[in-house]
Amino acid sequence: KILGLELGADDYMTKPFDMRELLARLKSLLRR
């Protein structure tokens, strides 16, 4: 997780994930 963030990822989700949470995180990222 730290490696991905240090390389430039803005957020991180572990499978399996809830599609609603993924969409919510994407909307939040785009707003930022």
All heavy atoms as atom14 arrays in JSON, in Angstrom:
{
  "sequence": "KILGLELGADDYMTKPFDMRELLARLKSLLRR",
  "atom14_mask": [
    [1, 1, 1, 1, 1, 1, 1, 1, 1, 0, 0, 0, 0, 0],
    [1, 1, 1, 1, 1, 1, 1, 1, 0, 0, 0, 0, 0, 0],
    [1, 1, 1, 1, 1, 1, 1, 1, 0, 0, 0, 0, 0, 0],
    [1, 1, 1, 1, 0, 0, 0, 0, 0, 0, 0, 0, 0, 0],
    [1, 1, 1, 1, 1, 1, 1, 1, 0, 0, 0, 0, 0, 0],
    [1, 1, 1, 1, 1, 1, 1, 1, 1, 0, 0, 0, 0, 0],
    [1, 1, 1, 1, 1, 1, 1, 1, 0, 0, 0, 0, 0, 0],
    [1, 1, 1, 1, 0, 0, 0, 0, 0, 0, 0, 0, 0, 0],
    [1, 1, 1, 1, 1, 0, 0, 0, 0, 0, 0, 0, 0, 0],
    [1, 1, 1, 1, 1, 1, 1, 1, 0, 0, 0, 0, 0, 0],
    [1, 1, 1, 1, 1, 1, 1, 1, 0, 0, 0, 0, 0, 0],
    [1, 1, 1, 1, 1, 1, 1, 1, 1, 1, 1, 1, 0, 0],
    [1, 1, 1, 1, 1, 1, 1, 1, 0, 0, 0, 0, 0, 0],
    [1, 1, 1, 1, 1, 1, 1, 0, 0, 0, 0, 0, 0, 0],
    [1, 1, 1, 1, 1, 1, 1, 1, 1, 0, 0, 0, 0, 0],
    [1, 1, 1, 1, 1, 1, 1, 0, 0, 0, 0, 0, 0, 0],
    [1, 1, 1, 1, 1, 1, 1, 1, 1, 1, 1, 0, 0, 0],
    [1, 1, 1, 1, 1, 1, 1, 1, 0, 0, 0, 0, 0, 0],
    [1, 1, 1, 1, 1, 1, 1, 1, 0, 0, 0, 0, 0, 0],
    [1, 1, 1, 1, 1, 1, 1, 1, 1, 1, 1, 0, 0, 0],
    [1, 1, 1, 1, 1, 1, 1, 1, 1, 0, 0, 0, 0, 0],
    [1, 1, 1, 1, 1, 1, 1, 1, 0, 0, 0, 0, 0, 0],
    [1, 1, 1, 1, 1, 1, 1, 1, 0, 0, 0, 0, 0, 0],
    [1, 1, 1, 1, 1, 0, 0, 0, 0, 0, 0, 0, 0, 0],
    [1, 1, 1, 1, 1, 1, 1, 1, 1, 1, 1, 0, 0, 0],
    [1, 1, 1, 1, 1, 1, 1, 1, 0, 0, 0, 0, 0, 0],
    [1, 1, 1, 1, 1, 1, 1, 1, 1, 0, 0, 0, 0, 0],
    [1, 1, 1, 1, 1, 1, 0, 0, 0, 0, 0, 0, 0, 0],
    [1, 1, 1, 1, 1, 1, 1, 1, 0, 0, 0, 0, 0, 0],
    [1, 1, 1, 1, 1, 1, 1, 1, 0, 0, 0, 0, 0, 0],
    [1, 1, 1, 1, 1, 1, 1, 1, 1, 1, 1, 0, 0, 0],
    [1, 1, 1, 1, 1, 1, 1, 1, 1, 1, 1, 0, 0, 0]
  ],
  "atom14_positions": [
    [[0.83, -1.2, 0.0], [0.0, 0.0, 0.0], [0.87, 1.25, 0.0], [0.65, 2.18, -0.78], [-0.92, 0.01, 1.22], [-1.87, 1.19, 1.26], [-2.76, 1.16, 2.49], [-3.74, 0.02, 2.44], [-4.74, 0.1, 3.54], [0.0, 0.0, 0.0], [0.0, 0.0, 0.0], [0.0, 0.0, 0.0], [0.0, 0.0, 0.0], [0.0, 0.0, 0.0]],
    [[1.89, 1.28, 0.86], [2.8, 2.43, 0.93], [3.55, 2.61, -0.38], [3.71, 3.73, -0.86], [3.78, 2.27, 2.11], [3.02, 2.38, 3.43], [4.89, 3.31, 2.04], [3.87, 2.06, 4.65], [0.0, 0.0, 0.0], [0.0, 0.0, 0.0], [0.0, 0.0, 0.0], [0.0, 0.0, 0.0], [0.0, 0.0, 0.0], [0.0, 0.0, 0.0]],
    [[4.0, 1.5, -0.97], [4.72, 1.58, -2.24], [3.87, 2.24, -3.31], [4.33, 3.13, -4.04], [5.14, 0.19, -2.7], [5.85, 0.11, -4.06], [7.11, 0.97, -4.07], [6.16, -1.34, -4.41], [0.0, 0.0, 0.0], [0.0, 0.0, 0.0], [0.0, 0.0, 0.0], [0.0, 0.0, 0.0], [0.0, 0.0, 0.0], [0.0, 0.0, 0.0]],
    [[2.61, 1.82, -3.41], [1.73, 2.42, -4.41], [1.52, 3.9, -4.19], [1.57, 4.7, -5.13], [0.0, 0.0, 0.0], [0.0, 0.0, 0.0], [0.0, 0.0, 0.0], [0.0, 0.0, 0.0], [0.0, 0.0, 0.0], [0.0, 0.0, 0.0], [0.0, 0.0, 0.0], [0.0, 0.0, 0.0], [0.0, 0.0, 0.0], [0.0, 0.0, 0.0]],
    [[1.32, 4.31, -2.95], [1.11, 5.73, -2.64], [2.38, 6.54, -2.9], [2.32, 7.67, -3.39], [0.66, 5.88, -1.19], [-0.72, 5.27, -0.87], [-0.98, 5.32, 0.62], [-1.83, 5.98, -1.64], [0.0, 0.0, 0.0], [0.0, 0.0, 0.0], [0.0, 0.0, 0.0], [0.0, 0.0, 0.0], [0.0, 0.0, 0.0], [0.0, 0.0, 0.0]],
    [[3.53, 5.98, -2.58], [4.79, 6.7, -2.8], [5.1, 6.86, -4.28], [5.75, 7.82, -4.69], [5.94, 5.98, -2.09], [5.91, 6.13, -0.58], [7.11, 5.48, 0.08], [7.78, 4.66, -0.57], [7.37, 5.8, 1.26], [0.0, 0.0, 0.0], [0.0, 0.0, 0.0], [0.0, 0.0, 0.0], [0.0, 0.0, 0.0], [0.0, 0.0, 0.0]],
    [[4.62, 5.93, -5.09], [4.85, 6.01, -6.53], [3.86, 6.94, -7.23], [3.97, 7.17, -8.43], [4.77, 4.62, -7.16], [5.95, 3.69, -6.86], [5.68, 2.29, -7.4], [7.24, 4.24, -7.45], [0.0, 0.0, 0.0], [0.0, 0.0, 0.0], [0.0, 0.0, 0.0], [0.0, 0.0, 0.0], [0.0, 0.0, 0.0], [0.0, 0.0, 0.0]],
    [[2.89, 7.47, -6.48], [2.0, 8.46, -7.05], [0.53, 8.14, -7.05], [-0.28, 8.94, -7.55], [0.0, 0.0, 0.0], [0.0, 0.0, 0.0], [0.0, 0.0, 0.0], [0.0, 0.0, 0.0], [0.0, 0.0, 0.0], [0.0, 0.0, 0.0], [0.0, 0.0, 0.0], [0.0, 0.0, 0.0], [0.0, 0.0, 0.0], [0.0, 0.0, 0.0]],
    [[0.13, 6.99, -6.52], [-1.3, 6.69, -6.44], [-1.97, 7.65, -5.46], [-1.37, 8.07, -4.47], [-1.52, 5.24, -5.99], [0.0, 0.0, 0.0], [0.0, 0.0, 0.0], [0.0, 0.0, 0.0], [0.0, 0.0, 0.0], [0.0, 0.0, 0.0], [0.0, 0.0, 0.0], [0.0, 0.0, 0.0], [0.0, 0.0, 0.0], [0.0, 0.0, 0.0]],
    [[-3.21, 8.0, -5.74], [-3.95, 8.93, -4.88], [-4.79, 8.2, -3.85], [-5.1, 8.75, -2.79], [-4.87, 9.81, -5.73], [-4.08, 10.66, -6.71], [-3.51, 11.67, -6.28], [-4.03, 10.29, -7.9], [0.0, 0.0, 0.0], [0.0, 0.0, 0.0], [0.0, 0.0, 0.0], [0.0, 0.0, 0.0], [0.0, 0.0, 0.0], [0.0, 0.0, 0.0]],
    [[-5.18, 6.96, -4.15], [-6.02, 6.19, -3.23], [-5.77, 4.71, -3.49], [-5.14, 4.34, -4.5], [-7.49, 6.54, -3.43], [-8.35, 6.25, -2.2], [-7.84, 5.59, -1.27], [-9.51, 6.68, -2.18], [0.0, 0.0, 0.0], [0.0, 0.0, 0.0], [0.0, 0.0, 0.0], [0.0, 0.0, 0.0], [0.0, 0.0, 0.0], [0.0, 0.0, 0.0]],
    [[-6.28, 3.87, -2.61], [-5.93, 2.46, -2.62], [-7.12, 1.66, -2.09], [-7.64, 1.97, -1.03], [-4.72, 2.26, -1.7], [-3.91, 1.03, -1.93], [-2.68, 1.1, -2.57], [-4.34, -0.21, -1.48], [-1.9, -0.03, -2.77], [-3.59, -1.35, -1.67], [-2.37, -1.25, -2.31], [-1.6, -2.37, -2.5], [0.0, 0.0, 0.0], [0.0, 0.0, 0.0]],
    [[-7.54, 0.64, -2.84], [-8.62, -0.23, -2.37], [-8.2, -1.68, -2.53], [-7.56, -2.06, -3.51], [-9.91, 0.03, -3.16], [-10.53, 1.38, -2.88], [-12.19, 1.54, -3.56], [-13.11, 0.42, -2.51], [0.0, 0.0, 0.0], [0.0, 0.0, 0.0], [0.0, 0.0, 0.0], [0.0, 0.0, 0.0], [0.0, 0.0, 0.0], [0.0, 0.0, 0.0]],
    [[-8.58, -2.47, -1.56], [-8.24, -3.89, -1.55], [-9.44, -4.72, -2.01], [-10.57, -4.49, -1.58], [-7.82, -4.33, -0.14], [-6.71, -3.53, 0.29], [-7.41, -5.79, -0.13], [0.0, 0.0, 0.0], [0.0, 0.0, 0.0], [0.0, 0.0, 0.0], [0.0, 0.0, 0.0], [0.0, 0.0, 0.0], [0.0, 0.0, 0.0], [0.0, 0.0, 0.0]],
    [[-9.19, -5.67, -2.9], [-10.24, -6.58, -3.35], [-10.54, -7.6, -2.25], [-9.62, -8.01, -1.54], [-9.8, -7.32, -4.61], [-9.49, -6.44, -5.8], [-8.97, -7.32, -6.93], [-8.58, -6.5, -8.13], [-8.0, -7.33, -9.21], [0.0, 0.0, 0.0], [0.0, 0.0, 0.0], [0.0, 0.0, 0.0], [0.0, 0.0, 0.0], [0.0, 0.0, 0.0]],
    [[-11.79, -8.03, -2.14], [-12.99, -7.54, -2.86], [-13.42, -6.19, -2.3], [-13.19, -5.9, -1.13], [-14.02, -8.62, -2.57], [-13.61, -9.18, -1.25], [-12.11, -9.13, -1.22], [0.0, 0.0, 0.0], [0.0, 0.0, 0.0], [0.0, 0.0, 0.0], [0.0, 0.0, 0.0], [0.0, 0.0, 0.0], [0.0, 0.0, 0.0], [0.0, 0.0, 0.0]],
    [[-14.04, -5.38, -3.15], [-14.44, -4.04, -2.74], [-15.91, -3.82, -3.11], [-16.47, -4.53, -3.94], [-13.58, -2.98, -3.42], [-13.59, -3.07, -4.92], [-14.57, -2.43, -5.67], [-12.62, -3.81, -5.59], [-14.59, -2.52, -7.05], [-12.63, -3.91, -6.98], [-13.62, -3.27, -7.7], [0.0, 0.0, 0.0], [0.0, 0.0, 0.0], [0.0, 0.0, 0.0]],
    [[-16.5, -2.85, -2.46], [-17.88, -2.47, -2.76], [-17.87, -1.44, -3.88], [-17.16, -0.42, -3.79], [-18.54, -1.9, -1.5], [-20.03, -1.63, -1.71], [-20.35, -0.69, -2.47], [-20.85, -2.35, -1.12], [0.0, 0.0, 0.0], [0.0, 0.0, 0.0], [0.0, 0.0, 0.0], [0.0, 0.0, 0.0], [0.0, 0.0, 0.0], [0.0, 0.0, 0.0]],
    [[-18.63, -1.68, -4.94], [-18.64, -0.77, -6.09], [-19.07, 0.64, -5.69], [-18.55, 1.63, -6.2], [-19.57, -1.31, -7.17], [-19.45, -0.58, -8.5], [-17.84, -0.83, -9.3], [-18.02, -2.56, -9.82], [0.0, 0.0, 0.0], [0.0, 0.0, 0.0], [0.0, 0.0, 0.0], [0.0, 0.0, 0.0], [0.0, 0.0, 0.0], [0.0, 0.0, 0.0]],
    [[-19.98, 0.75, -4.74], [-20.45, 2.07, -4.31], [-19.33, 2.84, -3.64], [-19.21, 4.06, -3.82], [-21.64, 1.92, -3.36], [-22.91, 1.36, -4.01], [-23.94, 1.0, -2.98], [-23.45, -0.07, -2.1], [-24.15, -0.57, -1.1], [-25.36, -0.11, -0.83], [-23.64, -1.54, -0.35], [0.0, 0.0, 0.0], [0.0, 0.0, 0.0], [0.0, 0.0, 0.0]],
    [[-18.5, 2.13, -2.88], [-17.37, 2.8, -2.24], [-16.34, 3.25, -3.28], [-15.8, 4.34, -3.19], [-16.7, 1.89, -1.23], [-15.54, 2.57, -0.5], [-14.84, 1.68, 0.5], [-15.26, 0.52, 0.69], [-13.84, 2.15, 1.1], [0.0, 0.0, 0.0], [0.0, 0.0, 0.0], [0.0, 0.0, 0.0], [0.0, 0.0, 0.0], [0.0, 0.0, 0.0]],
    [[-16.09, 2.42, -4.28], [-15.15, 2.79, -5.35], [-15.63, 4.05, -6.06], [-14.85, 4.98, -6.29], [-15.0, 1.65, -6.35], [-14.13, 1.95, -7.58], [-12.71, 2.3, -7.17], [-14.14, 0.76, -8.54], [0.0, 0.0, 0.0], [0.0, 0.0, 0.0], [0.0, 0.0, 0.0], [0.0, 0.0, 0.0], [0.0, 0.0, 0.0], [0.0, 0.0, 0.0]],
    [[-16.91, 4.11, -6.4], [-17.46, 5.28, -7.07], [-17.38, 6.52, -6.18], [-17.07, 7.62, -6.66], [-18.91, 5.02, -7.49], [-19.12, 3.97, -8.58], [-20.6, 3.67, -8.76], [-18.49, 4.41, -9.9], [0.0, 0.0, 0.0], [0.0, 0.0, 0.0], [0.0, 0.0, 0.0], [0.0, 0.0, 0.0], [0.0, 0.0, 0.0], [0.0, 0.0, 0.0]],
    [[-17.64, 6.36, -4.89], [-17.56, 7.48, -3.96], [-16.14, 8.01, -3.86], [-15.91, 9.22, -3.83], [-18.07, 7.06, -2.58], [0.0, 0.0, 0.0], [0.0, 0.0, 0.0], [0.0, 0.0, 0.0], [0.0, 0.0, 0.0], [0.0, 0.0, 0.0], [0.0, 0.0, 0.0], [0.0, 0.0, 0.0], [0.0, 0.0, 0.0], [0.0, 0.0, 0.0]],
    [[-15.17, 7.09, -3.81], [-13.78, 7.52, -3.73], [-13.33, 8.2, -5.01], [-12.56, 9.17, -4.97], [-12.88, 6.31, -3.43], [-13.07, 5.74, -2.03], [-11.94, 4.81, -1.69], [-12.12, 4.2, -0.38], [-11.11, 3.72, 0.33], [-9.88, 3.78, -0.13], [-11.34, 3.17, 1.51], [0.0, 0.0, 0.0], [0.0, 0.0, 0.0], [0.0, 0.0, 0.0]],
    [[-13.81, 7.71, -6.14], [-13.47, 8.33, -7.42], [-14.03, 9.75, -7.48], [-13.33, 10.69, -7.89], [-14.03, 7.49, -8.57], [-13.84, 8.08, -9.97], [-12.36, 8.22, -10.31], [-14.57, 7.23, -11.0], [0.0, 0.0, 0.0], [0.0, 0.0, 0.0], [0.0, 0.0, 0.0], [0.0, 0.0, 0.0], [0.0, 0.0, 0.0], [0.0, 0.0, 0.0]],
    [[-15.28, 9.93, -7.1], [-15.89, 11.27, -7.1], [-15.11, 12.21, -6.2], [-14.86, 13.38, -6.54], [-17.35, 11.19, -6.66], [-18.27, 10.54, -7.67], [-19.69, 10.43, -7.14], [-20.6, 9.71, -8.13], [-21.97, 9.55, -7.61], [0.0, 0.0, 0.0], [0.0, 0.0, 0.0], [0.0, 0.0, 0.0], [0.0, 0.0, 0.0], [0.0, 0.0, 0.0]],
    [[-14.71, 11.73, -5.03], [-13.94, 12.55, -4.1], [-12.59, 12.94, -4.7], [-12.16, 14.09, -4.59], [-13.74, 11.78, -2.79], [-12.95, 12.53, -1.88], [0.0, 0.0, 0.0], [0.0, 0.0, 0.0], [0.0, 0.0, 0.0], [0.0, 0.0, 0.0], [0.0, 0.0, 0.0], [0.0, 0.0, 0.0], [0.0, 0.0, 0.0], [0.0, 0.0, 0.0]],
    [[-11.93, 11.99, -5.35], [-10.64, 12.26, -5.98], [-10.78, 13.31, -7.08], [-9.98, 14.25, -7.16], [-10.07, 10.96, -6.56], [-8.83, 11.09, -7.45], [-7.68, 11.75, -6.69], [-8.42, 9.72, -7.98], [0.0, 0.0, 0.0], [0.0, 0.0, 0.0], [0.0, 0.0, 0.0], [0.0, 0.0, 0.0], [0.0, 0.0, 0.0], [0.0, 0.0, 0.0]],
    [[-11.79, 13.18, -7.93], [-11.99, 14.13, -9.02], [-12.3, 15.53, -8.48], [-11.85, 16.52, -9.05], [-13.1, 13.64, -9.94], [-12.77, 12.38, -10.76], [-14.01, 11.86, -11.46], [-11.66, 12.67, -11.77], [0.0, 0.0, 0.0], [0.0, 0.0, 0.0], [0.0, 0.0, 0.0], [0.0, 0.0, 0.0], [0.0, 0.0, 0.0], [0.0, 0.0, 0.0]],
    [[-13.06, 15.61, -7.39], [-13.34, 16.92, -6.79], [-12.05, 17.57, -6.28], [-11.84, 18.77, -6.47], [-14.34, 16.77, -5.64], [-15.78, 16.61, -6.08], [-16.75, 16.87, -4.92], [-16.51, 15.96, -3.8], [-17.14, 14.81, -3.65], [-18.03, 14.41, -4.54], [-16.9, 14.04, -2.59], [0.0, 0.0, 0.0], [0.0, 0.0, 0.0], [0.0, 0.0, 0.0]],
    [[-11.2, 16.79, -5.65], [-9.93, 17.32, -5.15], [-9.06, 17.82, -6.3], [-8.42, 18.87, -6.2], [-9.17, 16.26, -4.35], [-9.84, 15.85, -3.06], [-8.87, 15.14, -2.13], [-8.23, 13.99, -2.73], [-8.71, 12.75, -2.69], [-9.87, 12.52, -2.08], [-8.05, 11.75, -3.23], [0.0, 0.0, 0.0], [0.0, 0.0, 0.0], [0.0, 0.0, 0.0]]
  ]
}
